[in-house]
C-alpha atoms as a PDB file:
ATOM      1  CA  MET A   1      16.167   8.321  11.844  1.00  0.00           C
ATOM      2  CA  LYS A   2      15.130   9.372  15.426  1.00  0.00           C
ATOM      3  CA  ASN A   3      15.329   5.522  18.046  1.00  0.00           C
ATOM      4  CA  GLN A   4      11.383   5.001  18.531  1.00  0.00           C
ATOM      5  CA  THR A   5       9.777   2.063  19.300  1.00  0.00           C
ATOM      6  CA  PHE A   6       6.469   0.738  17.723  1.00  0.00           C
ATOM      7  CA  LYS A   7       4.491  -0.021  20.594  1.00  0.00           C
ATOM      8  CA  GLY A   8       0.890  -0.110  18.445  1.00  0.00           C
ATOM      9  CA  PHE A   9      -1.911   2.051  17.661  1.00  0.00           C
ATOM     10  CA  THR A  10      -4.663   2.463  20.601  1.00  0.00           C
ATOM     11  CA  PRO A  11      -8.639   2.890  20.200  1.00  0.00           C
ATOM     12  CA  LYS A  12      -7.930   6.600  20.226  1.00  0.00           C
ATOM     13  CA  THR A  13      -6.106   6.495  17.080  1.00  0.00           C
ATOM     14  CA  PHE A  14      -9.257   5.502  15.007  1.00  0.00           C
ATOM     15  CA  GLN A  15     -11.648   7.811  17.405  1.00  0.00           C
ATOM     16  CA  PHE A  16      -9.381  10.708  15.554  1.00  0.00           C
ATOM     17  CA  PHE A  17     -10.452   9.389  12.406  1.00  0.00           C
ATOM     18  CA  LYS A  18     -14.044   9.066  13.249  1.00  0.00           C
ATOM     19  CA  ASP A  19     -13.905  12.617  15.027  1.00  0.00           C
ATOM     20  CA  LEU A  20     -12.278  14.070  12.305  1.00  0.00           C
ATOM     21  CA  SER A  21     -14.643  12.686   9.724  1.00  0.00           C
ATOM     22  CA  GLU A  22     -17.303  14.259  11.688  1.00  0.00           C
ATOM     23  CA  ASN A  23     -15.398  17.560  12.382  1.00  0.00           C
ATOM     24  CA  ASN A  24     -13.452  18.412   9.272  1.00  0.00           C
ATOM     25  CA  ASN A  25     -12.412  21.812   9.726  1.00  0.00           C
ATOM     26  CA  LYS A  26      -9.108  23.953  10.575  1.00  0.00           C
ATOM     27  CA  GLU A  27     -10.642  25.022  13.734  1.00  0.00           C
ATOM     28  CA  TRP A  28     -11.786  21.658  15.212  1.00  0.00           C
ATOM     29  CA  PHE A  29      -8.404  19.861  13.967  1.00  0.00           C
ATOM     30  CA  ASP A  30      -6.200  22.617  15.490  1.00  0.00           C
ATOM     31  CA  ALA A  31      -8.016  21.432  19.004  1.00  0.00           C
ATOM     32  CA  HIS A  32      -7.342  18.494  18.467  1.00  0.00           C
ATOM     33  CA  LYS A  33      -3.761  17.742  16.786  1.00  0.00           C
ATOM     34  CA  HIS A  34      -1.907  16.624  19.911  1.00  0.00           C
ATOM     35  CA  ILE A  35      -4.089  13.638  19.436  1.00  0.00           C
ATOM     36  CA  TYR A  36      -2.949  13.410  15.877  1.00  0.00           C
ATOM     37  CA  GLU A  37       0.552  13.868  16.902  1.00  0.00           C
ATOM     38  CA  SER A  38       0.226  11.310  19.794  1.00  0.00           C
ATOM     39  CA  GLU A  39      -1.961   8.478  18.572  1.00  0.00           C
ATOM     40  CA  LEU A  40      -1.430   8.673  14.788  1.00  0.00           C
ATOM     41  CA  ILE A  41       1.466  10.505  12.874  1.00  0.00           C
ATOM     42  CA  ASN A  42       4.036   9.342  15.970  1.00  0.00           C
ATOM     43  CA  PRO A  43       3.080   5.393  16.091  1.00  0.00           C
ATOM     44  CA  LEU A  44       3.092   5.462  12.088  1.00  0.00           C
ATOM     45  CA  LYS A  45       6.557   7.115  12.109  1.00  0.00           C
ATOM     46  CA  ALA A  46       7.782   3.933  14.508  1.00  0.00           C
ATOM     47  CA  LEU A  47       5.835   1.414  12.883  1.00  0.00           C
ATOM     48  CA  PHE A  48       7.764   2.832   9.546  1.00  0.00           C
ATOM     49  CA  GLN A  49      10.978   2.489  11.666  1.00  0.00           C
ATOM     50  CA  ALA A  50       9.964  -1.387  12.644  1.00  0.00           C
ATOM     51  CA  LEU A  51       9.125  -1.879   8.661  1.00  0.00           C
ATOM     52  CA  TYR A  52      13.000  -0.034   8.014  1.00  0.00           C
ATOM     53  CA  PRO A  53      15.678  -3.300   7.928  1.00  0.00           C
ATOM     54  CA  VAL A  54      13.229  -5.385   6.588  1.00  0.00           C
ATOM     55  CA  MET A  55      11.887  -3.069   3.465  1.00  0.00           C
ATOM     56  CA  GLN A  56      15.237  -2.035   2.744  1.00  0.00           C
ATOM     57  CA  ASN A  57      16.201  -5.500   2.802  1.00  0.00           C
ATOM     58  CA  ILE A  58      13.837  -6.434  -0.321  1.00  0.00           C
ATOM     59  CA  ASP A  59      14.933  -3.737  -1.673  1.00  0.00           C
ATOM     60  CA  SER A  60      17.877  -1.102  -0.715  1.00  0.00           C
ATOM     61  CA  GLN A  61      16.642   1.881  -3.420  1.00  0.00           C
ATOM     62  CA  PHE A  62      13.149   1.961  -1.304  1.00  0.00           C
ATOM     63  CA  GLU A  63      12.675   6.156  -0.176  1.00  0.00           C
ATOM     64  CA  MET A  64      13.204   5.265   3.456  1.00  0.00           C
ATOM     65  CA  ARG A  65      12.721   8.604   4.713  1.00  0.00           C
ATOM     66  CA  PRO A  66       9.548   8.760   6.801  1.00  0.00           C
ATOM     67  CA  HIS A  67       8.557  12.276   5.746  1.00  0.00           C
ATOM     68  CA  ARG A  68       8.593  11.211   1.997  1.00  0.00           C
ATOM     69  CA  ALA A  69       7.348   7.832   2.787  1.00  0.00           C
ATOM     70  CA  ILE A  70       3.991   8.548   4.872  1.00  0.00           C
ATOM     71  CA  SER A  71       1.694  10.085   3.867  1.00  0.00           C
ATOM     72  CA  ARG A  72       0.313  13.870   4.560  1.00  0.00           C
ATOM     73  CA  ILE A  73      -2.917  14.335   6.355  1.00  0.00           C
ATOM     74  CA  TYR A  74      -3.317  18.094   4.827  1.00  0.00           C
ATOM     75  CA  ARG A  75      -5.530  17.445   1.323  1.00  0.00           C
ATOM     76  CA  ASP A  76      -5.065  19.433  -1.462  1.00  0.00           C
ATOM     77  CA  THR A  77      -8.132  21.119  -2.252  1.00  0.00           C
ATOM     78  CA  ARG A  78      -7.169  23.345  -5.260  1.00  0.00           C
ATOM     79  CA  PHE A  79      -8.836  20.797  -7.753  1.00  0.00           C
ATOM     80  CA  SER A  80     -11.568  18.901  -6.320  1.00  0.00           C
ATOM     81  CA  LYS A  81     -14.751  19.750  -5.443  1.00  0.00           C
ATOM     82  CA  ASN A  82     -14.016  17.979  -1.963  1.00  0.00           C
ATOM     83  CA  LYS A  83     -12.897  21.510   0.002  1.00  0.00           C
ATOM     84  CA  ASP A  84     -11.838  19.237   3.257  1.00  0.00           C
ATOM     85  CA  PRO A  85      -9.064  20.128   4.096  1.00  0.00           C
ATOM     86  CA  TYR A  86      -7.928  17.046   5.760  1.00  0.00           C
ATOM     87  CA  LYS A  87      -7.990  13.532   4.684  1.00  0.00           C
ATOM     88  CA  THR A  88      -9.866  10.796   7.527  1.00  0.00           C
ATOM     89  CA  PHE A  89      -7.005   8.176   6.569  1.00  0.00           C
ATOM     90  CA  MET A  90      -3.143   7.847   6.107  1.00  0.00           C
ATOM     91  CA  TRP A  91      -1.007   5.324   4.372  1.00  0.00           C
ATOM     92  CA  MET A  92       2.780   4.657   4.376  1.00  0.00           C
ATOM     93  CA  THR A  93       4.418   3.290   1.019  1.00  0.00           C
ATOM     94  CA  PHE A  94       7.341   1.298   0.005  1.00  0.00           C
ATOM     95  CA  GLN A  95       8.860   2.406  -3.276  1.00  0.00           C
ATOM     96  CA  GLN A  96      12.076   3.695  -5.500  1.00  0.00           C
ATOM     97  CA  PRO A  97      12.295   7.655  -4.917  1.00  0.00           C
ATOM     98  CA  VAL A  98      11.566   8.596  -8.590  1.00  0.00           C
ATOM     99  CA  THR A  99       8.964  11.506  -9.988  1.00  0.00           C
ATOM    100  CA  ARG A 100       5.439  12.357  -9.358  1.00  0.00           C
ATOM    101  CA  GLU A 101       5.093  10.883 -13.139  1.00  0.00           C
ATOM    102  CA  GLU A 102       7.644   7.851 -12.760  1.00  0.00           C
ATOM    103  CA  TRP A 103       6.030   6.548  -9.784  1.00  0.00           C
ATOM    104  CA  LYS A 104       3.274   4.958 -11.983  1.00  0.00           C
ATOM    105  CA  ASP A 105       5.443   3.003 -13.557  1.00  0.00           C
ATOM    106  CA  HIS A 106       7.498   1.296 -10.473  1.00  0.00           C
ATOM    107  CA  PRO A 107       5.688  -1.582  -7.820  1.00  0.00           C
ATOM    108  CA  GLY A 108       5.369  -0.142  -4.144  1.00  0.00           C
ATOM    109  CA  TYR A 109       3.615  -1.791  -1.281  1.00  0.00           C
ATOM    110  CA  PHE A 110       1.433   0.354   0.795  1.00  0.00           C
ATOM    111  CA  LEU A 111      -0.384   0.076   4.073  1.00  0.00           C
ATOM    112  CA  GLU A 112      -3.862   2.148   4.952  1.00  0.00           C
ATOM    113  CA  LEU A 113      -5.348   3.020   7.795  1.00  0.00           C
ATOM    114  CA  GLN A 114      -8.925   4.055   8.042  1.00  0.00           C
ATOM    115  CA  GLN A 115     -11.155   4.108  10.984  1.00  0.00           C
ATOM    116  CA  ASP A 116     -12.246   0.790  10.883  1.00  0.00           C
ATOM    117  CA  ALA A 117     -10.169  -0.711   8.374  1.00  0.00           C
ATOM    118  CA  TYR A 118      -6.377  -1.305   7.053  1.00  0.00           C
ATOM    119  CA  THR A 119      -5.295  -2.383   4.194  1.00  0.00           C
ATOM    120  CA  LEU A 120      -2.230  -4.191   2.864  1.00  0.00           C
ATOM    121  CA  GLY A 121      -1.230  -4.540  -0.369  1.00  0.00           C
ATOM    122  CA  LEU A 122       1.126  -4.004  -3.774  1.00  0.00           C
ATOM    123  CA  GLY A 123       1.337  -3.065  -7.122  1.00  0.00           C
ATOM    124  CA  LEU A 124       1.747  -0.761 -10.243  1.00  0.00           C
ATOM    125  CA  PHE A 125      -1.372   1.771  -9.688  1.00  0.00           C
ATOM    126  CA  GLN A 126      -1.177   3.390 -12.951  1.00  0.00           C
ATOM    127  CA  PRO A 127       1.776   2.026 -15.125  1.00  0.00           C
ATOM    128  CA  GLN A 128       1.909   2.421 -18.626  1.00  0.00           C
ATOM    129  CA  LYS A 129       0.149   0.144 -21.398  1.00  0.00           C
ATOM    130  CA  LYS A 130       3.728  -0.789 -21.848  1.00  0.00           C
ATOM    131  CA  VAL A 131       4.593  -1.702 -18.588  1.00  0.00           C
ATOM    132  CA  MET A 132       1.121  -4.123 -18.830  1.00  0.00           C
ATOM    133  CA  ASP A 133       2.172  -5.497 -21.640  1.00  0.00           C
ATOM    134  CA  ASN A 134       6.018  -6.270 -20.004  1.00  0.00           C
ATOM    135  CA  PHE A 135       4.561  -7.947 -17.116  1.00  0.00           C
ATOM    136  CA  ARG A 136       1.693  -9.752 -19.077  1.00  0.00           C
ATOM    137  CA  ASP A 137       4.443 -11.529 -21.118  1.00  0.00           C
ATOM    138  CA  ALA A 138       6.164 -12.349 -18.588  1.00  0.00           C
ATOM    139  CA  VAL A 139       2.619 -14.537 -16.976  1.00  0.00           C
ATOM    140  CA  ILE A 140       2.522 -16.129 -20.219  1.00  0.00           C
ATOM    141  CA  TYR A 141       6.330 -16.991 -20.622  1.00  0.00           C
ATOM    142  CA  ASP A 142       6.679 -18.606 -17.216  1.00  0.00           C
ATOM    143  CA  ALA A 143       2.726 -19.807 -16.485  1.00  0.00           C
ATOM    144  CA  GLU A 144       3.130 -22.216 -14.399  1.00  0.00           C
ATOM    145  CA  GLU A 145       5.558 -21.108 -11.843  1.00  0.00           C
ATOM    146  CA  PHE A 146       3.688 -17.372 -11.380  1.00  0.00           C
ATOM    147  CA  GLN A 147       0.269 -19.245 -10.978  1.00  0.00           C
ATOM    148  CA  ARG A 148       2.267 -22.328  -8.475  1.00  0.00           C
ATOM    149  CA  VAL A 149       4.042 -18.435  -6.358  1.00  0.00           C
ATOM    150  CA  THR A 150       1.083 -16.223  -6.143  1.00  0.00           C
ATOM    151  CA  GLN A 151      -1.661 -19.088  -5.151  1.00  0.00           C
ATOM    152  CA  GLU A 152       0.675 -19.620  -2.158  1.00  0.00           C
ATOM    153  CA  THR A 153       1.494 -16.010  -1.328  1.00  0.00           C
ATOM    154  CA  VAL A 154      -1.053 -14.003  -2.612  1.00  0.00           C
ATOM    155  CA  LEU A 155      -4.289 -15.925  -3.117  1.00  0.00           C
ATOM    156  CA  ASP A 156      -3.939 -18.222  -0.154  1.00  0.00           C
ATOM    157  CA  ASN A 157      -2.687 -15.452   2.356  1.00  0.00           C
ATOM    158  CA  GLY A 158      -5.778 -13.757   1.717  1.00  0.00           C
ATOM    159  CA  TYR A 159      -5.097 -11.290  -1.042  1.00  0.00           C
ATOM    160  CA  THR A 160      -7.288 -10.340  -4.142  1.00  0.00           C
ATOM    161  CA  VAL A 161      -6.560  -8.947  -7.465  1.00  0.00           C
ATOM    162  CA  ARG A 162      -7.660  -5.324  -7.835  1.00  0.00           C
ATOM    163  CA  GLY A 163      -7.259  -2.958 -10.966  1.00  0.00           C
ATOM    164  CA  ASP A 164      -9.388  -0.919 -13.801  1.00  0.00           C
ATOM    165  CA  GLU A 165      -9.807  -3.805 -16.628  1.00  0.00           C
ATOM    166  CA  TYR A 166     -10.040  -3.407 -20.043  1.00  0.00           C
ATOM    167  CA  LYS A 167     -13.670  -3.084 -21.636  1.00  0.00           C
ATOM    168  CA  ARG A 168     -12.470  -5.456 -24.491  1.00  0.00           C
ATOM    169  CA  LEU A 169     -10.772  -8.891 -23.264  1.00  0.00           C
ATOM    170  CA  ILE A 170      -7.018  -9.526 -24.538  1.00  0.00           C
ATOM    171  CA  ALA A 171      -7.408 -12.768 -26.602  1.00  0.00           C
ATOM    172  CA  ASN A 172      -4.486 -15.391 -24.888  1.00  0.00           C
ATOM    173  CA  ASP A 173      -4.446 -19.261 -24.507  1.00  0.00           C
ATOM    174  CA  LEU A 174      -3.857 -19.218 -20.823  1.00  0.00           C
ATOM    175  CA  SER A 175      -6.567 -20.916 -18.018  1.00  0.00           C
ATOM    176  CA  ASP A 176      -8.955 -18.838 -16.118  1.00  0.00           C
ATOM    177  CA  TYR A 177      -6.720 -18.254 -12.840  1.00  0.00           C
ATOM    178  CA  PHE A 178      -4.834 -15.788 -14.868  1.00  0.00           C
ATOM    179  CA  GLN A 179      -7.452 -13.899 -16.392  1.00  0.00           C
ATOM    180  CA  PRO A 180      -7.988 -11.407 -12.759  1.00  0.00           C
ATOM    181  CA  TRP A 181      -4.200 -10.770 -13.143  1.00  0.00           C
ATOM    182  CA  ILE A 182      -3.733  -9.815 -17.298  1.00  0.00           C
ATOM    183  CA  GLN A 183      -6.961  -8.312 -17.636  1.00  0.00           C
ATOM    184  CA  ARG A 184      -6.064  -5.121 -16.483  1.00  0.00           C
ATOM    185  CA  LYS A 185      -4.858  -1.439 -17.313  1.00  0.00           C
ATOM    186  CA  GLY A 186      -2.955  -1.437 -13.619  1.00  0.00           C
ATOM    187  CA  ILE A 187      -2.773  -3.812 -11.055  1.00  0.00           C
ATOM    188  CA  TRP A 188      -2.591  -4.734  -7.316  1.00  0.00           C
ATOM    189  CA  VAL A 189      -3.185  -7.167  -4.550  1.00  0.00           C
ATOM    190  CA  GLU A 190      -4.675  -5.970  -1.518  1.00  0.00           C
ATOM    191  CA  LYS A 191      -5.961  -7.697   1.805  1.00  0.00           C
ATOM    192  CA  ILE A 192      -8.412  -5.364   3.943  1.00  0.00           C
ATOM    193  CA  GLN A 193      -8.912  -6.253   7.792  1.00  0.00           C
ATOM    194  CA  PRO A 194     -11.285  -4.749  10.088  1.00  0.00           C
ATOM    195  CA  ILE A 195      -9.355  -2.809  13.036  1.00  0.00           C
ATOM    196  CA  ASN A 196      -9.189  -5.425  15.829  1.00  0.00           C
ATOM    197  CA  GLU A 197      -6.664  -6.036  18.735  1.00  0.00           C
ATOM    198  CA  ASP A 198      -3.655  -7.075  16.499  1.00  0.00           C
ATOM    199  CA  VAL A 199      -3.201  -2.830  15.761  1.00  0.00           C
ATOM    200  CA  TYR A 200      -2.816  -2.746  19.162  1.00  0.00           C
ATOM    201  CA  SER A 201       0.380  -4.659  19.873  1.00  0.00           C
ATOM    202  CA  THR A 202       3.830  -4.634  19.025  1.00  0.00           C
ATOM    203  CA  GLY A 203       3.384  -7.691  16.844  1.00  0.00           C
ATOM    204  CA  PHE A 204       1.291  -5.921  14.487  1.00  0.00           C
ATOM    205  CA  ALA A 205       4.650  -4.335  12.758  1.00  0.00           C
ATOM    206  CA  ASP A 206       5.884  -8.228  12.634  1.00  0.00           C
ATOM    207  CA  LEU A 207       2.135  -9.131  10.842  1.00  0.00           C
ATOM    208  CA  ILE A 208       3.045  -6.879   8.374  1.00  0.00           C
ATOM    209  CA  ILE A 209       6.714  -8.090   8.023  1.00  0.00           C
ATOM    210  CA  LYS A 210       5.349 -11.630   7.160  1.00  0.00           C
ATOM    211  CA  ASP A 211       2.926 -10.620   4.648  1.00  0.00           C
ATOM    212  CA  PHE A 212       5.340  -7.573   2.771  1.00  0.00           C
ATOM    213  CA  VAL A 213       8.025 -10.713   2.678  1.00  0.00           C
ATOM    214  CA  ALA A 214       5.359 -13.267   1.299  1.00  0.00           C
ATOM    215  CA  LEU A 215       4.968 -10.756  -1.097  1.00  0.00           C
ATOM    216  CA  GLU A 216       8.666  -9.943  -2.388  1.00  0.00           C
ATOM    217  CA  TRP A 217       8.309 -12.844  -4.951  1.00  0.00           C
ATOM    218  CA  LEU A 218       5.618 -10.470  -7.031  1.00  0.00           C
ATOM    219  CA  TYR A 219       7.728  -7.254  -5.948  1.00  0.00           C
ATOM    220  CA  ASN A 220      10.222  -8.489  -8.130  1.00  0.00           C
ATOM    221  CA  PHE A 221       8.467  -9.845 -11.195  1.00  0.00           C
ATOM    222  CA  MET A 222       6.468  -6.723 -11.247  1.00  0.00           C
ATOM    223  CA  LYS A 223       9.816  -4.571 -10.903  1.00  0.00           C
ATOM    224  CA  GLU A 224      11.029  -7.106 -13.827  1.00  0.00           C
ATOM    225  CA  ALA A 225       8.256  -5.408 -15.978  1.00  0.00           C
ATOM    226  CA  THR A 226       9.425  -1.806 -15.186  1.00  0.00           C
ATOM    227  CA  MET A 227      12.571  -2.724 -17.063  1.00  0.00           C
ATOM    228  CA  ASP A 228      12.715  -2.159 -20.853  1.00  0.00           C
END
């Protein structure tokens, strides 16, 4: 990868998202593409590069090509009622390079940026039932350690547990702590933060690294659930 230094985003980055949401058309985008490149995509690539060594240490099999790991701003409108040509948010992911179908069964980290907030997270987003069955079995098998580690590294760090819940609860003997973790068709944890001074500094990369390293135990726990 070409050497780039992450210096932080700027207020222009998030103003671009705001302006795009109000002018979501090709003519406006083409006239402001230089802002998109200088204030959004180039800093995103530099941030990805800053995270690269740490994330590769977490899993050497992560997809580390920026054009694969960073989202495109162009929307696929072929099968959507929403015909706006551009997304008003962008993200990067750290996940093993698998097919469009297989990715659903593999855990991944993500960072999403939008005009007024950013989100950090990790999860299994659309896994097959057997993956979630394996995940639940693993939680039950070592419930004490799971609670101790996830309380400290996830919940105490400001993350919340998300995912589509089952309409009919799965019977189990676990305490209330575990129910948000096991009563779901897919599961991820996320932390949403307002845009603040953090994102305008080089230290934003360090902030993300600290959080993603703290989530490494949970990443490996989820990864084990994908293995038969």
